[in-house]
Amino acid sequence: MTAEAALLAQFTALDTAAVSDALDQCGLPPGQGGLRPMWGRPKVAGFARTIELEPLAGEHGGAHVLTGTIAESGPTDVIVIANGGRTDVSSWGGIVSVGASVRGVRGVITDGACRDVGQARELDFPVYARAQVPVTARGRVRQKSSGEPVAIGGVTVHPGDVVLADEGGVVVIPRERAGDVLKAAQAVADREAAIEAEVRAGVPLPDAMRDARLAGTEAR
């Protein structure tokens, strides 16, 4: 297993809540809600392939939005689309789900709406979005950039950042801080597992769930 694959596997073993707590501890922007799985309860971790869309009045010319980035993406990638949270027009659909699935892409996170969710579900392709809408992107949005930093709900995503998404939300881990955040998140998960075990064993909740313990600052 490559170092990159191992890193993604370790993040996949965590949940977004633990990683969000770790981001807080590392002084980085925490996770965000509102970007939900459009089918089932998938979890994806991958390296960001970024796209930014913007409004368009008129018809598209040439290749459809998204297609060039998808064609360059692969099995360690997650497509991240910035569309300003728009929910009146789709920024992801069925044919691009097919194209991404063929390339082995792990999933897509779009700060906007999507359509053709049934097709994505049949492909077992994870899609996270703000909403579903049947309205086509053609004539309504165009691609502003690809492979550049983008803003998703106030968090900046750089190409190659680690993104983790599950039913709890989405977290973005700067690539250069991935090791620090991973270590902190694993410690959070271990502490919370120990607290849960104590509570299930009958330890009173106030005794088990102390703020200093949760924060990892309690003296041993």
Protein backbone atom coordinates (compact mmCIF):
# COMPACT_ATOMS: atom_id res chain seq x y z
CA MET A 1 0.00 0.00 0.00
CA THR A 2 1.36 3.43 -0.91
CA ALA A 3 1.74 6.17 1.70
CA GLU A 4 -1.15 8.08 0.07
CA ALA A 5 -3.45 5.06 0.14
CA ALA A 6 -2.53 4.39 3.78
CA LEU A 7 -3.31 8.00 4.72
CA LEU A 8 -6.74 7.82 3.10
CA ALA A 9 -7.47 4.44 4.72
CA GLN A 10 -6.69 5.88 8.16
CA PHE A 11 -8.99 8.86 7.60
CA THR A 12 -11.73 6.55 6.28
CA ALA A 13 -11.59 4.66 9.61
CA LEU A 14 -12.61 7.89 11.40
CA ASP A 15 -15.79 9.95 11.30
CA THR A 16 -16.19 13.61 10.46
CA ALA A 17 -17.03 14.55 14.07
CA ALA A 18 -13.69 13.25 15.39
CA VAL A 19 -11.78 14.92 12.56
CA SER A 20 -13.66 18.19 13.11
CA ASP A 21 -12.62 18.13 16.78
CA ALA A 22 -9.04 17.48 15.68
CA LEU A 23 -9.16 20.41 13.25
CA ASP A 24 -10.31 22.62 16.14
CA GLN A 25 -7.36 21.44 18.23
CA CYS A 26 -4.98 22.19 15.36
CA GLY A 27 -6.35 25.71 14.87
CA LEU A 28 -7.92 24.88 11.51
CA PRO A 29 -11.49 25.43 10.21
CA PRO A 30 -13.77 22.68 11.56
CA GLY A 31 -16.22 20.56 9.62
CA GLN A 32 -19.50 21.73 8.16
CA GLY A 33 -22.99 20.38 7.81
CA GLY A 34 -25.58 20.84 5.10
CA LEU A 35 -23.67 18.76 2.54
CA ARG A 36 -25.56 15.49 2.79
CA PRO A 37 -25.23 12.12 1.08
CA MET A 38 -27.91 12.03 -1.59
CA TRP A 39 -28.38 8.30 -1.20
CA GLY A 40 -27.60 5.78 1.52
CA ARG A 41 -24.89 6.30 4.11
CA PRO A 42 -21.60 6.28 2.19
CA LYS A 43 -18.29 7.49 3.57
CA VAL A 44 -15.52 8.75 1.32
CA ALA A 45 -12.01 10.08 1.88
CA GLY A 46 -9.86 11.28 -0.98
CA PHE A 47 -7.68 14.01 -2.39
CA ALA A 48 -9.55 17.04 -3.69
CA ARG A 49 -9.92 17.70 -7.41
CA THR A 50 -11.41 21.18 -7.46
CA ILE A 51 -13.82 22.90 -9.84
CA GLU A 52 -15.53 26.28 -9.56
CA LEU A 53 -18.72 27.12 -11.44
CA GLU A 54 -20.33 30.49 -12.10
CA PRO A 55 -23.59 31.74 -13.64
CA LEU A 56 -23.96 31.75 -17.41
CA ALA A 57 -26.48 33.46 -19.63
CA GLY A 58 -26.61 31.62 -22.95
CA GLU A 59 -25.49 28.26 -24.27
CA HIS A 60 -22.38 26.26 -23.49
CA GLY A 61 -19.72 25.94 -26.12
CA GLY A 62 -17.40 22.98 -26.38
CA ALA A 63 -17.08 20.30 -23.72
CA HIS A 64 -19.59 20.23 -20.89
CA VAL A 65 -18.57 21.59 -17.49
CA LEU A 66 -16.77 19.12 -15.21
CA THR A 67 -15.77 16.71 -17.97
CA GLY A 68 -12.11 17.69 -18.32
CA THR A 69 -11.43 17.40 -14.59
CA ILE A 70 -13.21 14.06 -14.37
CA ALA A 71 -11.14 12.74 -17.30
CA GLU A 72 -7.96 13.64 -15.37
CA SER A 73 -9.10 12.19 -12.03
CA GLY A 74 -8.48 8.74 -10.60
CA PRO A 75 -8.99 6.25 -7.76
CA THR A 76 -7.63 8.40 -4.92
CA ASP A 77 -9.63 11.51 -5.86
CA VAL A 78 -12.84 13.18 -4.74
CA ILE A 79 -14.32 15.85 -7.01
CA VAL A 80 -15.07 19.07 -5.09
CA ILE A 81 -17.35 21.58 -6.82
CA ALA A 82 -17.88 25.17 -5.69
CA ASN A 83 -21.21 26.57 -6.90
CA GLY A 84 -21.99 29.06 -4.17
CA GLY A 85 -24.59 26.85 -2.53
CA ARG A 86 -27.01 27.27 -5.47
CA THR A 87 -29.93 24.88 -5.27
CA ASP A 88 -31.94 26.12 -8.26
CA VAL A 89 -29.75 24.37 -10.84
CA SER A 90 -27.92 21.06 -10.90
CA SER A 91 -24.14 21.05 -10.70
CA TRP A 92 -23.81 17.26 -10.97
CA GLY A 93 -25.79 14.65 -12.88
CA GLY A 94 -26.05 11.09 -14.08
CA ILE A 95 -23.71 10.99 -17.06
CA VAL A 96 -20.88 12.63 -15.14
CA SER A 97 -21.48 10.09 -12.36
CA VAL A 98 -20.92 7.37 -14.95
CA GLY A 99 -17.76 9.07 -16.21
CA ALA A 100 -16.37 9.51 -12.70
CA SER A 101 -17.25 5.96 -11.73
CA VAL A 102 -15.44 4.60 -14.79
CA ARG A 103 -12.34 6.56 -13.74
CA GLY A 104 -12.54 5.07 -10.23
CA VAL A 105 -13.20 8.44 -8.57
CA ARG A 106 -14.26 8.00 -4.95
CA GLY A 107 -17.14 10.46 -4.95
CA VAL A 108 -18.24 14.07 -5.45
CA ILE A 109 -18.97 16.91 -3.05
CA THR A 110 -20.83 19.82 -4.59
CA ASP A 111 -21.70 23.06 -2.83
CA GLY A 112 -24.94 23.19 -4.74
CA ALA A 113 -27.60 20.83 -6.05
CA CYS A 114 -27.45 17.62 -8.07
CA ARG A 115 -29.79 15.47 -10.11
CA ASP A 116 -30.08 11.87 -11.37
CA VAL A 117 -29.48 10.50 -7.87
CA GLY A 118 -30.99 7.15 -8.80
CA GLN A 119 -28.30 6.69 -11.42
CA ALA A 120 -25.56 7.49 -8.90
CA ARG A 121 -27.10 5.01 -6.46
CA GLU A 122 -27.14 2.26 -9.08
CA LEU A 123 -23.46 2.96 -9.75
CA ASP A 124 -22.71 2.91 -6.00
CA PHE A 125 -21.18 6.36 -6.56
CA PRO A 126 -21.31 8.69 -3.51
CA VAL A 127 -22.75 12.15 -4.12
CA TYR A 128 -22.86 14.84 -1.42
CA ALA A 129 -24.83 18.00 -2.13
CA ARG A 130 -27.08 20.64 -0.61
CA ALA A 131 -30.20 19.49 -2.47
CA GLN A 132 -31.64 17.69 -5.46
CA VAL A 133 -33.17 19.52 -8.41
CA PRO A 134 -34.03 18.35 -11.94
CA VAL A 135 -32.89 21.59 -13.63
CA THR A 136 -29.99 21.18 -16.09
CA ALA A 137 -26.75 23.15 -15.87
CA ARG A 138 -26.75 23.75 -19.63
CA GLY A 139 -27.20 27.43 -20.36
CA ARG A 140 -27.17 28.27 -16.64
CA VAL A 141 -23.65 27.70 -15.32
CA ARG A 142 -20.18 27.57 -16.78
CA GLN A 143 -16.84 26.41 -15.46
CA LYS A 144 -14.82 29.26 -13.99
CA SER A 145 -11.76 27.24 -12.97
CA SER A 146 -10.35 23.77 -12.45
CA GLY A 147 -7.44 22.82 -10.22
CA GLU A 148 -7.55 26.09 -8.28
CA PRO A 149 -8.45 26.78 -4.62
CA VAL A 150 -12.22 26.98 -4.11
CA ALA A 151 -14.51 28.01 -1.25
CA ILE A 152 -17.01 25.46 0.04
CA GLY A 153 -19.29 26.89 2.69
CA GLY A 154 -16.62 29.32 3.83
CA VAL A 155 -13.82 26.74 3.93
CA THR A 156 -11.05 26.96 1.34
CA VAL A 157 -10.21 23.70 -0.42
CA HIS A 158 -6.88 23.44 -2.22
CA PRO A 159 -6.20 20.79 -4.86
CA GLY A 160 -4.77 17.75 -3.10
CA ASP A 161 -6.27 18.51 0.31
CA VAL A 162 -7.78 15.53 2.07
CA VAL A 163 -11.57 15.61 2.18
CA LEU A 164 -13.68 13.27 4.29
CA ALA A 165 -17.45 13.07 3.96
CA ASP A 166 -20.03 10.95 5.75
CA GLU A 167 -23.61 11.28 6.95
CA GLY A 168 -22.42 13.79 9.58
CA GLY A 169 -20.98 16.33 7.16
CA VAL A 170 -17.74 17.23 5.41
CA VAL A 171 -14.25 18.06 6.70
CA VAL A 172 -11.31 19.47 4.76
CA ILE A 173 -7.78 18.71 5.94
CA PRO A 174 -4.94 20.78 4.45
CA ARG A 175 -2.54 18.32 2.86
CA GLU A 176 0.50 19.72 4.68
CA ARG A 177 -1.26 19.26 8.04
CA ALA A 178 -2.77 15.84 7.34
CA GLY A 179 -0.38 13.96 9.63
CA ASP A 180 -1.01 16.29 12.59
CA VAL A 181 -4.78 16.21 12.13
CA LEU A 182 -4.82 12.43 11.71
CA LYS A 183 -2.90 11.90 14.96
CA ALA A 184 -5.18 14.29 16.85
CA ALA A 185 -8.33 12.70 15.38
CA GLN A 186 -7.22 9.21 16.30
CA ALA A 187 -6.63 10.42 19.88
CA VAL A 188 -10.14 11.95 19.94
CA ALA A 189 -11.67 8.70 18.73
CA ASP A 190 -9.75 6.67 21.32
CA ARG A 191 -10.83 8.97 24.18
CA GLU A 192 -14.46 8.91 23.13
CA ALA A 193 -14.43 5.12 22.78
CA ALA A 194 -13.05 4.82 26.33
CA ILE A 195 -15.69 7.22 27.68
CA GLU A 196 -18.47 5.32 25.92
CA ALA A 197 -17.24 2.02 27.34
CA GLU A 198 -17.26 3.46 30.86
CA VAL A 199 -20.78 4.87 30.47
CA ARG A 200 -22.05 1.54 29.19
CA ALA A 201 -20.40 -0.13 32.19
CA GLY A 202 -22.35 2.12 34.58
CA VAL A 203 -19.97 5.01 35.30
CA PRO A 204 -22.07 8.17 35.88
CA LEU A 205 -22.01 10.45 32.84
CA PRO A 206 -20.58 13.51 34.69
CA ASP A 207 -17.68 11.37 35.95
CA ALA A 208 -16.88 9.89 32.56
CA MET A 209 -17.55 12.91 30.36
CA ARG A 210 -15.29 15.64 31.73
CA ASP A 211 -14.42 18.61 29.53
CA ALA A 212 -10.69 18.31 30.19
CA ARG A 213 -10.82 14.63 29.30
CA LEU A 214 -12.74 15.28 26.11
CA ALA A 215 -10.28 18.00 25.15
CA GLY A 216 -7.32 15.74 25.82
CA THR A 217 -5.86 18.19 28.34
CA GLU A 218 -6.53 16.19 31.50
CA ALA A 219 -3.43 15.22 33.46
CA ARG A 220 -2.80 11.48 33.55
